Amino acid sequence: MPVGLWPYNVAITPDGRLALTADNGASGASDGHVDTVSVIDMEASPPRVIDKVVVGDAPEGLAISPDGKTAVAVMLKGSAAVPKDAWFRHDRGSVVALTIDGKKVTRGEEVEVGRLPEGAVFSADGSRLYVGNYIDSTVSVLKLEGGRISDTGRVLTLPGRPAAMRASRP
């Protein structure tokens, strides 16, 4: 299936109608160029890519809210493992919100998080998003309200570096 370059993660909506892939690009690293999230129609026979949403530089983490109306792509954005003088270097990574409406996925706002963010997970009620920042050994706590994501200002400090994050639903 022709998703974008270097797909890192796949997430499926709760109703099973769509799958999304985080297409990281440049051999799994930031390079400053835009990358995509591929949208796969799981109801088609066979399932197929029906759209690609440009999200920014190096999406790695990917999560879909419990209600299936919002997804997020976690962007590396040159926040680690690139020369400090690289034109695409950023001090922090970010999270890009994606609105899911039927089989249409659109890019929304972008919120900065910590350095080298990799994993993301929604709370069971979908009101919070937790993003693991590998280099900082922290978890950023974001709020989801009315399909919009915002920073709560809360950061959880961990004794180690978070990488992948997963949640299970009852």
N, C-alpha and C. Protein backbone atom coordinates (compact mmCIF):
# COMPACT_ATOMS: atom_id res chain seq x y z
N MET A 1 0.86 -1.17 0.00
CA MET A 1 0.00 0.00 0.00
C MET A 1 0.90 1.23 0.00
N PRO A 2 0.71 2.18 -0.90
CA PRO A 2 1.62 3.31 -1.05
C PRO A 2 1.36 4.46 -0.06
N VAL A 3 1.68 4.21 1.21
CA VAL A 3 1.63 5.32 2.17
C VAL A 3 2.88 6.15 1.95
N GLY A 4 3.09 7.17 2.77
CA GLY A 4 4.26 8.03 2.60
C GLY A 4 5.56 7.33 2.99
N LEU A 5 6.66 8.07 2.90
CA LEU A 5 7.98 7.53 3.20
C LEU A 5 8.17 7.27 4.69
N TRP A 6 8.76 6.14 5.00
CA TRP A 6 9.10 5.76 6.37
C TRP A 6 7.91 5.85 7.32
N PRO A 7 6.86 5.08 7.09
CA PRO A 7 5.73 5.10 8.03
C PRO A 7 6.16 4.53 9.38
N TYR A 8 5.97 5.29 10.43
CA TYR A 8 6.39 4.87 11.77
C TYR A 8 5.28 4.24 12.57
N ASN A 9 4.11 4.79 12.52
CA ASN A 9 3.01 4.30 13.33
C ASN A 9 1.74 4.24 12.49
N VAL A 10 0.83 3.38 12.92
CA VAL A 10 -0.50 3.31 12.32
C VAL A 10 -1.50 3.33 13.47
N ALA A 11 -2.61 4.03 13.26
CA ALA A 11 -3.69 4.06 14.24
C ALA A 11 -5.00 3.88 13.48
N ILE A 12 -5.94 3.20 14.12
CA ILE A 12 -7.23 2.91 13.49
C ILE A 12 -8.32 3.58 14.32
N THR A 13 -9.27 4.22 13.63
CA THR A 13 -10.37 4.88 14.34
C THR A 13 -11.19 3.83 15.10
N PRO A 14 -11.84 4.23 16.19
CA PRO A 14 -12.62 3.28 16.98
C PRO A 14 -13.69 2.52 16.18
N ASP A 15 -14.25 3.16 15.15
CA ASP A 15 -15.26 2.47 14.35
C ASP A 15 -14.66 1.59 13.26
N GLY A 16 -13.33 1.61 13.12
CA GLY A 16 -12.65 0.75 12.16
C GLY A 16 -12.74 1.20 10.72
N ARG A 17 -13.30 2.39 10.47
CA ARG A 17 -13.49 2.85 9.09
C ARG A 17 -12.22 3.41 8.44
N LEU A 18 -11.35 4.04 9.25
CA LEU A 18 -10.13 4.65 8.73
C LEU A 18 -8.91 4.17 9.50
N ALA A 19 -7.78 4.16 8.81
CA ALA A 19 -6.48 3.99 9.46
C ALA A 19 -5.63 5.18 9.03
N LEU A 20 -4.74 5.60 9.91
CA LEU A 20 -3.83 6.70 9.62
C LEU A 20 -2.41 6.19 9.83
N THR A 21 -1.48 6.65 8.98
CA THR A 21 -0.07 6.33 9.19
C THR A 21 0.71 7.63 9.33
N ALA A 22 1.68 7.64 10.25
CA ALA A 22 2.60 8.77 10.41
C ALA A 22 3.80 8.50 9.51
N ASP A 23 3.89 9.23 8.42
CA ASP A 23 4.91 9.01 7.40
C ASP A 23 6.10 9.92 7.68
N ASN A 24 7.09 9.40 8.40
CA ASN A 24 8.19 10.18 8.98
C ASN A 24 9.12 10.81 7.97
N GLY A 25 9.28 10.27 6.79
CA GLY A 25 10.15 10.88 5.80
C GLY A 25 11.59 10.45 5.94
N ALA A 26 12.51 11.32 5.75
CA ALA A 26 13.97 11.19 5.69
C ALA A 26 14.60 10.05 6.49
N SER A 27 14.33 8.84 6.13
CA SER A 27 14.92 7.67 6.79
C SER A 27 14.67 7.67 8.29
N GLY A 28 13.55 8.23 8.71
CA GLY A 28 13.19 8.23 10.12
C GLY A 28 13.78 9.38 10.92
N ALA A 29 14.16 10.45 10.27
CA ALA A 29 14.75 11.59 10.98
C ALA A 29 14.20 12.89 10.42
N SER A 30 14.41 13.95 11.14
CA SER A 30 14.02 15.28 10.65
C SER A 30 14.96 15.72 9.54
N ASP A 31 14.39 16.42 8.55
CA ASP A 31 15.21 17.01 7.50
C ASP A 31 14.69 18.39 7.09
N GLY A 32 13.65 18.86 7.78
CA GLY A 32 13.12 20.19 7.50
C GLY A 32 12.05 20.23 6.43
N HIS A 33 11.86 19.16 5.71
CA HIS A 33 10.86 19.13 4.65
C HIS A 33 9.54 18.59 5.19
N VAL A 34 8.45 18.94 4.53
CA VAL A 34 7.15 18.48 5.00
C VAL A 34 6.98 16.98 4.78
N ASP A 35 6.25 16.39 5.69
CA ASP A 35 5.89 14.97 5.62
C ASP A 35 4.39 14.85 5.82
N THR A 36 3.88 13.63 5.74
CA THR A 36 2.43 13.45 5.69
C THR A 36 1.91 12.43 6.70
N VAL A 37 0.61 12.48 6.86
CA VAL A 37 -0.17 11.41 7.48
C VAL A 37 -1.03 10.87 6.34
N SER A 38 -0.93 9.56 6.10
CA SER A 38 -1.74 8.93 5.06
C SER A 38 -3.07 8.47 5.65
N VAL A 39 -4.14 8.63 4.89
CA VAL A 39 -5.49 8.25 5.30
C VAL A 39 -5.88 7.02 4.48
N ILE A 40 -6.20 5.93 5.19
CA ILE A 40 -6.53 4.67 4.54
C ILE A 40 -8.00 4.33 4.78
N ASP A 41 -8.73 4.08 3.71
CA ASP A 41 -10.14 3.67 3.79
C ASP A 41 -10.16 2.17 4.05
N MET A 42 -10.49 1.80 5.28
CA MET A 42 -10.50 0.38 5.68
C MET A 42 -11.76 -0.34 5.19
N GLU A 43 -12.79 0.43 4.74
CA GLU A 43 -14.02 -0.20 4.25
C GLU A 43 -13.94 -0.55 2.77
N ALA A 44 -12.96 0.03 2.06
CA ALA A 44 -12.79 -0.28 0.64
C ALA A 44 -12.26 -1.71 0.51
N SER A 45 -12.54 -2.33 -0.62
CA SER A 45 -12.07 -3.68 -0.85
C SER A 45 -11.25 -3.71 -2.13
N PRO A 46 -9.94 -3.77 -2.02
CA PRO A 46 -9.13 -3.84 -0.80
C PRO A 46 -8.98 -2.44 -0.18
N PRO A 47 -8.59 -2.38 1.11
CA PRO A 47 -8.33 -1.08 1.73
C PRO A 47 -7.30 -0.31 0.91
N ARG A 48 -7.45 1.03 0.87
CA ARG A 48 -6.54 1.84 0.04
C ARG A 48 -6.34 3.23 0.62
N VAL A 49 -5.23 3.84 0.25
CA VAL A 49 -4.94 5.22 0.64
C VAL A 49 -5.85 6.13 -0.15
N ILE A 50 -6.61 6.98 0.56
CA ILE A 50 -7.53 7.89 -0.11
C ILE A 50 -7.11 9.35 0.02
N ASP A 51 -6.13 9.64 0.88
CA ASP A 51 -5.69 11.02 1.04
C ASP A 51 -4.37 11.03 1.79
N LYS A 52 -3.67 12.14 1.67
CA LYS A 52 -2.46 12.41 2.46
C LYS A 52 -2.59 13.83 2.97
N VAL A 53 -2.34 13.99 4.26
CA VAL A 53 -2.45 15.30 4.90
C VAL A 53 -1.04 15.76 5.25
N VAL A 54 -0.63 16.91 4.73
CA VAL A 54 0.68 17.47 5.05
C VAL A 54 0.64 17.99 6.48
N VAL A 55 1.57 17.49 7.31
CA VAL A 55 1.57 17.88 8.72
C VAL A 55 2.81 18.64 9.15
N GLY A 56 3.95 18.45 8.49
CA GLY A 56 5.18 19.13 8.88
C GLY A 56 6.34 18.16 8.89
N ASP A 57 7.42 18.54 9.57
CA ASP A 57 8.66 17.78 9.55
C ASP A 57 8.67 16.63 10.55
N ALA A 58 8.73 15.43 10.03
CA ALA A 58 9.01 14.20 10.77
C ALA A 58 7.95 13.80 11.80
N PRO A 59 6.73 13.46 11.34
CA PRO A 59 5.76 12.92 12.29
C PRO A 59 6.20 11.52 12.73
N GLU A 60 6.16 11.28 14.01
CA GLU A 60 6.52 9.95 14.51
C GLU A 60 5.36 9.36 15.30
N GLY A 61 5.01 9.96 16.42
CA GLY A 61 3.88 9.47 17.20
C GLY A 61 2.56 9.78 16.52
N LEU A 62 1.55 8.99 16.86
CA LEU A 62 0.23 9.13 16.25
C LEU A 62 -0.79 8.57 17.23
N ALA A 63 -1.88 9.29 17.43
CA ALA A 63 -2.94 8.80 18.32
C ALA A 63 -4.28 9.32 17.82
N ILE A 64 -5.34 8.54 18.11
CA ILE A 64 -6.70 8.93 17.76
C ILE A 64 -7.51 8.97 19.04
N SER A 65 -8.31 10.01 19.20
CA SER A 65 -9.12 10.18 20.41
C SER A 65 -10.16 9.05 20.53
N PRO A 66 -10.62 8.78 21.75
CA PRO A 66 -11.60 7.70 21.94
C PRO A 66 -12.88 7.86 21.13
N ASP A 67 -13.29 9.12 20.85
CA ASP A 67 -14.51 9.31 20.06
C ASP A 67 -14.25 9.26 18.55
N GLY A 68 -12.97 9.17 18.16
CA GLY A 68 -12.62 9.04 16.75
C GLY A 68 -12.75 10.31 15.94
N LYS A 69 -12.94 11.46 16.59
CA LYS A 69 -13.13 12.71 15.86
C LYS A 69 -11.86 13.54 15.73
N THR A 70 -10.85 13.21 16.53
CA THR A 70 -9.59 13.95 16.52
C THR A 70 -8.43 12.97 16.54
N ALA A 71 -7.41 13.28 15.78
CA ALA A 71 -6.16 12.54 15.83
C ALA A 71 -5.05 13.56 16.03
N VAL A 72 -3.89 13.08 16.43
CA VAL A 72 -2.72 13.95 16.54
C VAL A 72 -1.52 13.26 15.92
N ALA A 73 -0.69 14.06 15.28
CA ALA A 73 0.61 13.61 14.78
C ALA A 73 1.66 14.32 15.62
N VAL A 74 2.60 13.55 16.15
CA VAL A 74 3.65 14.10 17.00
C VAL A 74 4.87 14.36 16.12
N MET A 75 5.29 15.62 16.07
CA MET A 75 6.32 16.07 15.13
C MET A 75 7.68 16.24 15.80
N LEU A 76 8.72 15.61 15.23
CA LEU A 76 10.07 15.75 15.76
C LEU A 76 10.63 17.16 15.52
N LYS A 77 10.43 17.70 14.33
CA LYS A 77 10.82 19.07 13.96
C LYS A 77 12.28 19.42 14.23
N GLY A 78 13.18 18.47 14.07
CA GLY A 78 14.60 18.78 14.26
C GLY A 78 14.94 19.12 15.69
N SER A 79 14.19 18.57 16.64
CA SER A 79 14.41 18.91 18.05
C SER A 79 15.48 18.05 18.72
N ALA A 80 16.12 17.16 17.99
CA ALA A 80 17.22 16.34 18.52
C ALA A 80 17.95 15.68 17.36
N ALA A 81 19.19 15.32 17.62
CA ALA A 81 20.02 14.57 16.67
C ALA A 81 20.24 15.28 15.34
N VAL A 82 20.20 16.61 15.36
CA VAL A 82 20.57 17.39 14.18
C VAL A 82 21.55 18.47 14.65
N PRO A 83 22.44 18.92 13.77
CA PRO A 83 23.39 19.96 14.16
C PRO A 83 22.67 21.22 14.65
N LYS A 84 23.23 21.84 15.66
CA LYS A 84 22.61 23.04 16.24
C LYS A 84 22.47 24.18 15.23
N ASP A 85 23.28 24.18 14.18
CA ASP A 85 23.18 25.24 13.18
C ASP A 85 22.35 24.84 11.96
N ALA A 86 21.70 23.68 12.00
CA ALA A 86 20.86 23.24 10.87
C ALA A 86 19.69 24.21 10.69
N TRP A 87 19.38 24.53 9.46
CA TRP A 87 18.31 25.49 9.18
C TRP A 87 16.95 25.03 9.68
N PHE A 88 16.77 23.74 9.86
CA PHE A 88 15.48 23.21 10.28
C PHE A 88 15.44 22.83 11.76
N ARG A 89 16.47 23.19 12.50
CA ARG A 89 16.55 22.87 13.94
C ARG A 89 15.53 23.69 14.71
N HIS A 90 14.83 23.03 15.63
CA HIS A 90 13.91 23.70 16.56
C HIS A 90 14.26 23.22 17.96
N ASP A 91 14.06 24.05 18.94
CA ASP A 91 14.34 23.67 20.32
C ASP A 91 13.33 22.65 20.83
N ARG A 92 12.13 22.67 20.25
CA ARG A 92 11.07 21.78 20.74
C ARG A 92 10.34 21.14 19.57
N GLY A 93 9.72 20.00 19.85
CA GLY A 93 8.86 19.36 18.88
C GLY A 93 7.45 19.91 19.02
N SER A 94 6.49 19.29 18.36
CA SER A 94 5.12 19.79 18.43
C SER A 94 4.12 18.67 18.19
N VAL A 95 2.87 19.01 18.41
CA VAL A 95 1.75 18.11 18.13
C VAL A 95 0.83 18.84 17.15
N VAL A 96 0.45 18.16 16.08
CA VAL A 96 -0.48 18.73 15.10
C VAL A 96 -1.82 18.01 15.24
N ALA A 97 -2.88 18.80 15.42
CA ALA A 97 -4.23 18.24 15.53
C ALA A 97 -4.79 17.93 14.15
N LEU A 98 -5.51 16.83 14.05
CA LEU A 98 -6.18 16.44 12.81
C LEU A 98 -7.65 16.19 13.12
N THR A 99 -8.53 16.83 12.39
CA THR A 99 -9.96 16.63 12.57
C THR A 99 -10.43 15.54 11.62
N ILE A 100 -11.16 14.58 12.16
CA ILE A 100 -11.70 13.48 11.37
C ILE A 100 -13.21 13.69 11.23
N ASP A 101 -13.67 13.84 9.99
CA ASP A 101 -15.09 14.02 9.71
C ASP A 101 -15.46 13.03 8.62
N GLY A 102 -16.04 11.90 9.04
CA GLY A 102 -16.31 10.82 8.09
C GLY A 102 -15.00 10.27 7.60
N LYS A 103 -14.75 10.39 6.30
CA LYS A 103 -13.48 9.91 5.75
C LYS A 103 -12.57 11.06 5.34
N LYS A 104 -12.92 12.27 5.76
CA LYS A 104 -12.10 13.45 5.47
C LYS A 104 -11.30 13.81 6.72
N VAL A 105 -9.98 13.99 6.55
CA VAL A 105 -9.09 14.36 7.64
C VAL A 105 -8.43 15.68 7.27
N THR A 106 -8.52 16.67 8.17
CA THR A 106 -7.96 17.99 7.90
C THR A 106 -7.02 18.40 9.03
N ARG A 107 -6.00 19.16 8.65
CA ARG A 107 -5.00 19.64 9.60
C ARG A 107 -5.57 20.79 10.41
N GLY A 108 -5.28 20.78 11.70
CA GLY A 108 -5.69 21.86 12.60
C GLY A 108 -4.48 22.55 13.20
N GLU A 109 -4.66 23.02 14.43
CA GLU A 109 -3.61 23.78 15.09
C GLU A 109 -2.42 22.91 15.47
N GLU A 110 -1.32 23.61 15.79
CA GLU A 110 -0.07 22.97 16.20
C GLU A 110 0.33 23.53 17.56
N VAL A 111 0.71 22.64 18.48
CA VAL A 111 1.08 23.04 19.84
C VAL A 111 2.48 22.52 20.12
N GLU A 112 3.37 23.38 20.62
CA GLU A 112 4.72 22.95 20.97
C GLU A 112 4.71 22.09 22.23
N VAL A 113 5.60 21.11 22.25
CA VAL A 113 5.81 20.25 23.42
C VAL A 113 7.31 20.24 23.69
N GLY A 114 7.86 19.16 24.23
CA GLY A 114 9.28 19.10 24.57
C GLY A 114 10.15 18.62 23.43
N ARG A 115 11.39 18.28 23.78
CA ARG A 115 12.37 17.84 22.79
C ARG A 115 12.22 16.36 22.48
N LEU A 116 12.30 16.04 21.21
CA LEU A 116 12.15 14.70 20.66
C LEU A 116 10.89 13.99 21.18
N PRO A 117 9.73 14.60 20.92
CA PRO A 117 8.48 13.93 21.32
C PRO A 117 8.26 12.71 20.42
N GLU A 118 7.86 11.61 21.04
CA GLU A 118 7.67 10.39 20.26
C GLU A 118 6.28 9.81 20.42
N GLY A 119 5.86 9.54 21.62
CA GLY A 119 4.58 8.89 21.83
C GLY A 119 3.51 9.84 22.30
N ALA A 120 2.26 9.46 22.05
CA ALA A 120 1.10 10.25 22.51
C ALA A 120 -0.03 9.30 22.84
N VAL A 121 -0.81 9.68 23.84
CA VAL A 121 -1.96 8.87 24.22
C VAL A 121 -3.04 9.80 24.78
N PHE A 122 -4.29 9.52 24.42
CA PHE A 122 -5.42 10.27 24.96
C PHE A 122 -5.89 9.63 26.26
N SER A 123 -6.44 10.43 27.16
CA SER A 123 -7.08 9.90 28.36
C SER A 123 -8.33 9.14 27.94
N ALA A 124 -8.83 8.28 28.82
CA ALA A 124 -10.00 7.45 28.48
C ALA A 124 -11.21 8.27 28.08
N ASP A 125 -11.38 9.46 28.69
CA ASP A 125 -12.53 10.30 28.33
C ASP A 125 -12.23 11.25 27.18
N GLY A 126 -10.98 11.23 26.68
CA GLY A 126 -10.61 12.05 25.53
C GLY A 126 -10.37 13.52 25.84
N SER A 127 -10.39 13.91 27.10
CA SER A 127 -10.23 15.33 27.43
C SER A 127 -8.78 15.76 27.55
N ARG A 128 -7.85 14.83 27.68
CA ARG A 128 -6.43 15.13 27.82
C ARG A 128 -5.62 14.31 26.83
N LEU A 129 -4.48 14.87 26.45
CA LEU A 129 -3.52 14.20 25.61
C LEU A 129 -2.18 14.26 26.32
N TYR A 130 -1.52 13.11 26.42
CA TYR A 130 -0.23 13.02 27.07
C TYR A 130 0.81 12.72 26.00
N VAL A 131 1.88 13.54 25.95
CA VAL A 131 2.92 13.41 24.93
C VAL A 131 4.26 13.20 25.62
N GLY A 132 4.92 12.08 25.30
CA GLY A 132 6.23 11.78 25.88
C GLY A 132 7.34 12.49 25.15
N ASN A 133 8.15 13.24 25.89
CA ASN A 133 9.29 13.99 25.35
C ASN A 133 10.58 13.28 25.76
N TYR A 134 11.15 12.54 24.84
CA TYR A 134 12.24 11.62 25.14
C TYR A 134 13.47 12.32 25.74
N ILE A 135 13.97 13.35 25.09
CA ILE A 135 15.19 14.03 25.56
C ILE A 135 14.98 14.68 26.92
N ASP A 136 13.82 15.26 27.14
CA ASP A 136 13.53 15.98 28.39
C ASP A 136 13.12 15.07 29.54
N SER A 137 12.82 13.81 29.27
CA SER A 137 12.30 12.88 30.29
C SER A 137 11.04 13.45 30.94
N THR A 138 10.14 13.95 30.08
CA THR A 138 8.90 14.54 30.57
C THR A 138 7.71 14.06 29.75
N VAL A 139 6.53 14.33 30.28
CA VAL A 139 5.28 14.14 29.55
C VAL A 139 4.54 15.46 29.56
N SER A 140 4.25 16.01 28.39
CA SER A 140 3.44 17.23 28.27
C SER A 140 1.98 16.86 28.39
N VAL A 141 1.22 17.65 29.13
CA VAL A 141 -0.21 17.42 29.31
C VAL A 141 -0.96 18.48 28.52
N LEU A 142 -1.70 18.05 27.50
CA LEU A 142 -2.48 18.95 26.66
C LEU A 142 -3.96 18.70 26.91
N LYS A 143 -4.78 19.69 26.53
CA LYS A 143 -6.23 19.59 26.71
C LYS A 143 -6.90 19.53 25.35
N LEU A 144 -7.91 18.66 25.24
CA LEU A 144 -8.73 18.58 24.04
C LEU A 144 -10.13 19.05 24.40
N GLU A 145 -10.56 20.09 23.71
CA GLU A 145 -11.89 20.66 23.99
C GLU A 145 -12.50 21.13 22.68
N GLY A 146 -13.64 20.57 22.33
CA GLY A 146 -14.31 20.96 21.10
C GLY A 146 -13.46 20.71 19.86
N GLY A 147 -12.64 19.67 19.90
CA GLY A 147 -11.79 19.35 18.76
C GLY A 147 -10.52 20.17 18.69
N ARG A 148 -10.32 21.08 19.63
CA ARG A 148 -9.12 21.93 19.65
C ARG A 148 -8.17 21.46 20.75
N ILE A 149 -6.90 21.48 20.45
CA ILE A 149 -5.88 21.08 21.40
C ILE A 149 -5.15 22.31 21.91
N SER A 150 -4.93 22.35 23.23
CA SER A 150 -4.20 23.47 23.82
C SER A 150 -3.30 22.95 24.93
N ASP A 151 -2.29 23.74 25.26
CA ASP A 151 -1.33 23.38 26.31
C ASP A 151 -1.91 23.73 27.67
N THR A 152 -1.86 22.80 28.61
CA THR A 152 -2.34 23.08 29.97
C THR A 152 -1.27 23.74 30.82
N GLY A 153 -0.02 23.71 30.34
CA GLY A 153 1.09 24.23 31.12
C GLY A 153 1.65 23.20 32.09
N ARG A 154 1.01 22.05 32.19
CA ARG A 154 1.48 20.99 33.09
C ARG A 154 2.46 20.08 32.35
N VAL A 155 3.53 19.73 33.05
CA VAL A 155 4.53 18.82 32.53
C VAL A 155 4.86 17.85 33.65
N LEU A 156 4.82 16.57 33.36
CA LEU A 156 5.17 15.54 34.33
C LEU A 156 6.62 15.14 34.12
N THR A 157 7.42 15.16 35.18
CA THR A 157 8.81 14.75 35.10
C THR A 157 8.91 13.27 35.42
N LEU A 158 9.66 12.54 34.59
CA LEU A 158 9.81 11.10 34.74
C LEU A 158 11.23 10.74 35.15
N PRO A 159 11.42 9.57 35.77
CA PRO A 159 12.77 9.13 36.12
C PRO A 159 13.54 8.57 34.93
N GLY A 160 12.88 8.37 33.81
CA GLY A 160 13.51 7.85 32.60
C GLY A 160 12.93 8.52 31.38
N ARG A 161 13.36 8.08 30.22
CA ARG A 161 12.94 8.71 28.97
C ARG A 161 11.77 7.95 28.33
N PRO A 162 10.63 8.62 28.14
CA PRO A 162 9.50 7.95 27.49
C PRO A 162 9.71 7.85 25.99
N ALA A 163 9.35 6.73 25.43
CA ALA A 163 9.43 6.56 23.97
C ALA A 163 8.02 6.29 23.46
N ALA A 164 7.66 5.05 23.28
CA ALA A 164 6.32 4.72 22.80
C ALA A 164 5.31 4.83 23.96
N MET A 165 4.10 5.21 23.63
CA MET A 165 3.02 5.27 24.61
C MET A 165 1.79 4.63 23.98
N ARG A 166 1.07 3.83 24.74
CA ARG A 166 -0.13 3.17 24.24
C ARG A 166 -1.20 3.20 25.32
N ALA A 167 -2.44 3.15 24.89
CA ALA A 167 -3.57 3.06 25.82
C ALA A 167 -4.49 1.97 25.31
N SER A 168 -5.18 1.35 26.22
CA SER A 168 -6.18 0.37 25.81
C SER A 168 -7.53 0.86 26.30
N ARG A 169 -8.54 0.51 25.59
CA ARG A 169 -9.90 0.92 25.91
C ARG A 169 -10.70 -0.31 26.29
N PRO A 170 -11.60 -0.15 27.27
CA PRO A 170 -12.43 -1.29 27.65
C PRO A 170 -13.38 -1.71 26.53
